[in-house]
C-alpha cells in the first residue's frame, strides 16, 4: 500500500512549552486521523514504525540545489 502525505513527514520542533514527545504524539495522531477520514484504520505506533520514503518536491530540491530526480530515504 502506498500512502502519500503532503504534510511535513516528521514532527515539528517543540514550541509553547510542548515537549518533543508531545509533538511526536500530535504528529502521528494527525496522520492517523487523516487516514481515518479516508476509511483506513491505523495505529500511531505502527504507523511510526512502518518503512517509509521521504520524497522531496521539485521546488524544495531546486531550492537546496539538488537534482529534481533525487529522493531521500530514511
N, C-alpha and C. Protein backbone atom coordinates (compact mmCIF):
# COMPACT_ATOMS: atom_id res chain seq x y z
N UNK A 1 0.85 -1.16 0.00
CA UNK A 1 0.00 0.00 0.00
C UNK A 1 0.90 1.23 0.00
N UNK A 2 0.53 2.20 -0.80
CA UNK A 2 1.26 3.45 -0.84
C UNK A 2 0.35 4.56 -0.34
N UNK A 3 0.83 5.30 0.63
CA UNK A 3 0.11 6.45 1.16
C UNK A 3 0.96 7.68 0.90
N UNK A 4 0.34 8.74 0.46
CA UNK A 4 1.08 9.96 0.19
C UNK A 4 0.52 11.06 1.07
N UNK A 5 1.39 11.64 1.88
CA UNK A 5 1.03 12.77 2.73
C UNK A 5 1.82 13.97 2.24
N UNK A 6 1.14 15.06 2.00
CA UNK A 6 1.86 16.27 1.58
C UNK A 6 2.27 17.11 2.78
N UNK A 7 1.87 16.65 3.97
CA UNK A 7 2.26 17.34 5.20
C UNK A 7 3.74 17.12 5.47
N UNK A 8 4.21 17.80 6.46
CA UNK A 8 5.57 17.56 6.94
C UNK A 8 5.67 16.11 7.38
N UNK A 9 6.68 15.37 6.89
CA UNK A 9 6.76 13.94 7.20
C UNK A 9 7.20 13.62 8.62
N UNK A 10 7.69 14.59 9.36
CA UNK A 10 8.15 14.34 10.72
C UNK A 10 7.62 15.43 11.64
N UNK A 11 7.60 15.17 12.93
CA UNK A 11 7.07 16.16 13.87
C UNK A 11 7.84 17.48 13.85
N UNK A 12 7.12 18.55 14.14
CA UNK A 12 7.75 19.87 14.27
C UNK A 12 8.57 19.93 15.54
N UNK A 13 9.42 20.93 15.61
CA UNK A 13 10.17 21.19 16.83
C UNK A 13 9.18 21.67 17.90
N UNK A 14 9.44 21.35 19.17
CA UNK A 14 8.55 21.78 20.24
C UNK A 14 8.46 23.31 20.34
N UNK A 15 7.28 23.78 20.74
CA UNK A 15 7.06 25.20 20.96
C UNK A 15 6.00 25.37 22.04
N UNK A 16 5.90 26.56 22.57
CA UNK A 16 4.90 26.91 23.59
C UNK A 16 4.84 25.91 24.75
N UNK A 17 6.00 25.48 25.23
CA UNK A 17 6.04 24.60 26.38
C UNK A 17 5.77 23.13 26.09
N UNK A 18 5.60 22.80 24.82
CA UNK A 18 5.37 21.39 24.46
C UNK A 18 6.70 20.65 24.45
N UNK A 19 6.65 19.36 24.74
CA UNK A 19 7.86 18.54 24.71
C UNK A 19 7.99 17.87 23.33
N UNK A 20 9.14 17.31 23.07
CA UNK A 20 9.33 16.54 21.83
C UNK A 20 8.34 15.39 21.76
N UNK A 21 8.10 14.74 22.90
CA UNK A 21 7.13 13.64 22.94
C UNK A 21 5.73 14.13 22.59
N UNK A 22 5.36 15.31 23.11
CA UNK A 22 4.05 15.90 22.77
C UNK A 22 3.92 16.12 21.27
N UNK A 23 4.97 16.67 20.68
CA UNK A 23 4.95 16.99 19.25
C UNK A 23 4.88 15.71 18.42
N UNK A 24 5.62 14.70 18.84
CA UNK A 24 5.61 13.44 18.11
C UNK A 24 4.23 12.78 18.18
N UNK A 25 3.64 12.75 19.36
CA UNK A 25 2.31 12.16 19.53
C UNK A 25 1.28 12.91 18.69
N UNK A 26 1.35 14.23 18.68
CA UNK A 26 0.41 15.03 17.89
C UNK A 26 0.60 14.77 16.40
N UNK A 27 1.84 14.65 15.96
CA UNK A 27 2.13 14.39 14.55
C UNK A 27 1.53 13.08 14.08
N UNK A 28 1.85 11.99 14.78
CA UNK A 28 1.35 10.69 14.36
C UNK A 28 -0.16 10.59 14.55
N UNK A 29 -0.68 11.24 15.58
CA UNK A 29 -2.13 11.27 15.77
C UNK A 29 -2.82 11.98 14.61
N UNK A 30 -2.23 13.06 14.13
CA UNK A 30 -2.79 13.77 12.97
C UNK A 30 -2.82 12.87 11.74
N UNK A 31 -1.72 12.17 11.48
CA UNK A 31 -1.69 11.30 10.31
C UNK A 31 -2.71 10.16 10.44
N UNK A 32 -2.87 9.61 11.64
CA UNK A 32 -3.87 8.57 11.86
C UNK A 32 -5.27 9.13 11.60
N UNK A 33 -5.52 10.36 12.01
CA UNK A 33 -6.83 10.98 11.77
C UNK A 33 -7.07 11.19 10.27
N UNK A 34 -6.05 11.62 9.54
CA UNK A 34 -6.18 11.77 8.07
C UNK A 34 -6.55 10.43 7.45
N UNK A 35 -5.88 9.37 7.88
CA UNK A 35 -6.19 8.04 7.36
C UNK A 35 -7.61 7.62 7.73
N UNK A 36 -8.02 7.88 8.98
CA UNK A 36 -9.36 7.51 9.42
C UNK A 36 -10.42 8.18 8.55
N UNK A 37 -10.19 9.43 8.18
CA UNK A 37 -11.13 10.14 7.33
C UNK A 37 -11.22 9.53 5.93
N UNK A 38 -10.21 8.76 5.56
CA UNK A 38 -10.20 8.08 4.27
C UNK A 38 -10.64 6.62 4.40
N UNK A 39 -11.09 6.24 5.59
CA UNK A 39 -11.58 4.88 5.80
C UNK A 39 -10.51 3.87 6.16
N UNK A 40 -9.32 4.34 6.55
CA UNK A 40 -8.21 3.45 6.90
C UNK A 40 -8.02 3.48 8.41
N UNK A 41 -8.02 2.29 9.02
CA UNK A 41 -7.77 2.19 10.46
C UNK A 41 -6.27 2.01 10.66
N UNK A 42 -5.69 2.86 11.49
CA UNK A 42 -4.24 2.79 11.73
C UNK A 42 -3.95 3.08 13.19
N UNK A 43 -2.83 2.56 13.64
CA UNK A 43 -2.35 2.79 15.00
C UNK A 43 -1.13 3.72 14.90
N UNK A 44 -1.08 4.77 15.71
CA UNK A 44 0.05 5.70 15.61
C UNK A 44 1.42 5.04 15.74
N UNK A 45 1.59 4.13 16.67
CA UNK A 45 2.88 3.49 16.87
C UNK A 45 3.26 2.61 15.68
N UNK A 46 2.29 1.86 15.16
CA UNK A 46 2.57 1.02 13.99
C UNK A 46 2.88 1.88 12.77
N UNK A 47 2.16 2.99 12.63
CA UNK A 47 2.41 3.87 11.50
C UNK A 47 3.82 4.46 11.60
N UNK A 48 4.21 4.85 12.79
CA UNK A 48 5.55 5.41 13.00
C UNK A 48 6.63 4.40 12.63
N UNK A 49 6.39 3.14 12.94
CA UNK A 49 7.39 2.10 12.70
C UNK A 49 7.40 1.57 11.27
N UNK A 50 6.38 1.91 10.49
CA UNK A 50 6.29 1.41 9.11
C UNK A 50 7.41 1.99 8.26
N UNK A 51 7.98 1.16 7.38
CA UNK A 51 9.01 1.69 6.48
C UNK A 51 8.39 2.79 5.60
N UNK A 52 9.16 3.83 5.33
CA UNK A 52 8.63 4.90 4.52
C UNK A 52 9.77 5.63 3.80
N UNK A 53 9.41 6.24 2.70
CA UNK A 53 10.33 7.06 1.93
C UNK A 53 9.89 8.51 2.05
N UNK A 54 10.84 9.39 2.07
CA UNK A 54 10.55 10.81 2.02
C UNK A 54 11.02 11.29 0.66
N UNK A 55 10.09 11.82 -0.12
CA UNK A 55 10.42 12.32 -1.45
C UNK A 55 10.24 13.83 -1.42
N UNK A 56 11.31 14.53 -1.65
CA UNK A 56 11.27 15.99 -1.63
C UNK A 56 10.68 16.51 -2.93
N UNK A 57 9.91 17.58 -2.84
CA UNK A 57 9.30 18.18 -4.03
C UNK A 57 10.38 18.78 -4.93
N UNK A 58 10.04 18.92 -6.20
CA UNK A 58 10.98 19.54 -7.14
C UNK A 58 11.32 20.95 -6.69
N UNK A 59 10.35 21.66 -6.14
CA UNK A 59 10.58 23.03 -5.68
C UNK A 59 11.61 23.07 -4.55
N UNK A 60 11.47 22.16 -3.59
CA UNK A 60 12.42 22.13 -2.49
C UNK A 60 13.80 21.69 -2.96
N UNK A 61 13.85 20.69 -3.83
CA UNK A 61 15.14 20.24 -4.35
C UNK A 61 15.86 21.38 -5.08
N UNK A 62 15.11 22.14 -5.88
CA UNK A 62 15.72 23.26 -6.59
C UNK A 62 16.24 24.29 -5.59
N UNK A 63 15.51 24.50 -4.53
CA UNK A 63 15.91 25.50 -3.53
C UNK A 63 17.21 25.12 -2.83
N UNK A 64 17.42 23.82 -2.61
CA UNK A 64 18.64 23.38 -1.93
C UNK A 64 19.73 22.95 -2.91
N UNK A 65 19.47 23.15 -4.21
CA UNK A 65 20.49 22.88 -5.21
C UNK A 65 20.69 21.42 -5.55
N UNK A 66 19.64 20.62 -5.42
CA UNK A 66 19.73 19.19 -5.75
C UNK A 66 18.97 18.91 -7.03
N UNK A 67 19.28 17.80 -7.68
CA UNK A 67 18.60 17.36 -8.88
C UNK A 67 17.16 16.95 -8.55
N UNK A 68 16.17 17.40 -9.34
CA UNK A 68 14.77 17.06 -9.05
C UNK A 68 14.47 15.55 -9.04
N UNK A 69 15.36 14.72 -9.55
CA UNK A 69 15.13 13.28 -9.53
C UNK A 69 15.57 12.62 -8.22
N UNK A 70 16.18 13.40 -7.31
CA UNK A 70 16.68 12.86 -6.06
C UNK A 70 15.54 12.49 -5.11
N UNK A 71 15.76 11.47 -4.32
CA UNK A 71 14.85 11.11 -3.24
C UNK A 71 15.71 10.77 -2.03
N UNK A 72 15.20 11.07 -0.87
CA UNK A 72 15.93 10.76 0.36
C UNK A 72 15.13 9.73 1.13
N UNK A 73 15.78 8.63 1.50
CA UNK A 73 15.11 7.60 2.27
C UNK A 73 15.59 7.67 3.70
N UNK A 74 14.66 7.36 4.58
CA UNK A 74 15.03 7.34 5.99
C UNK A 74 14.70 5.98 6.53
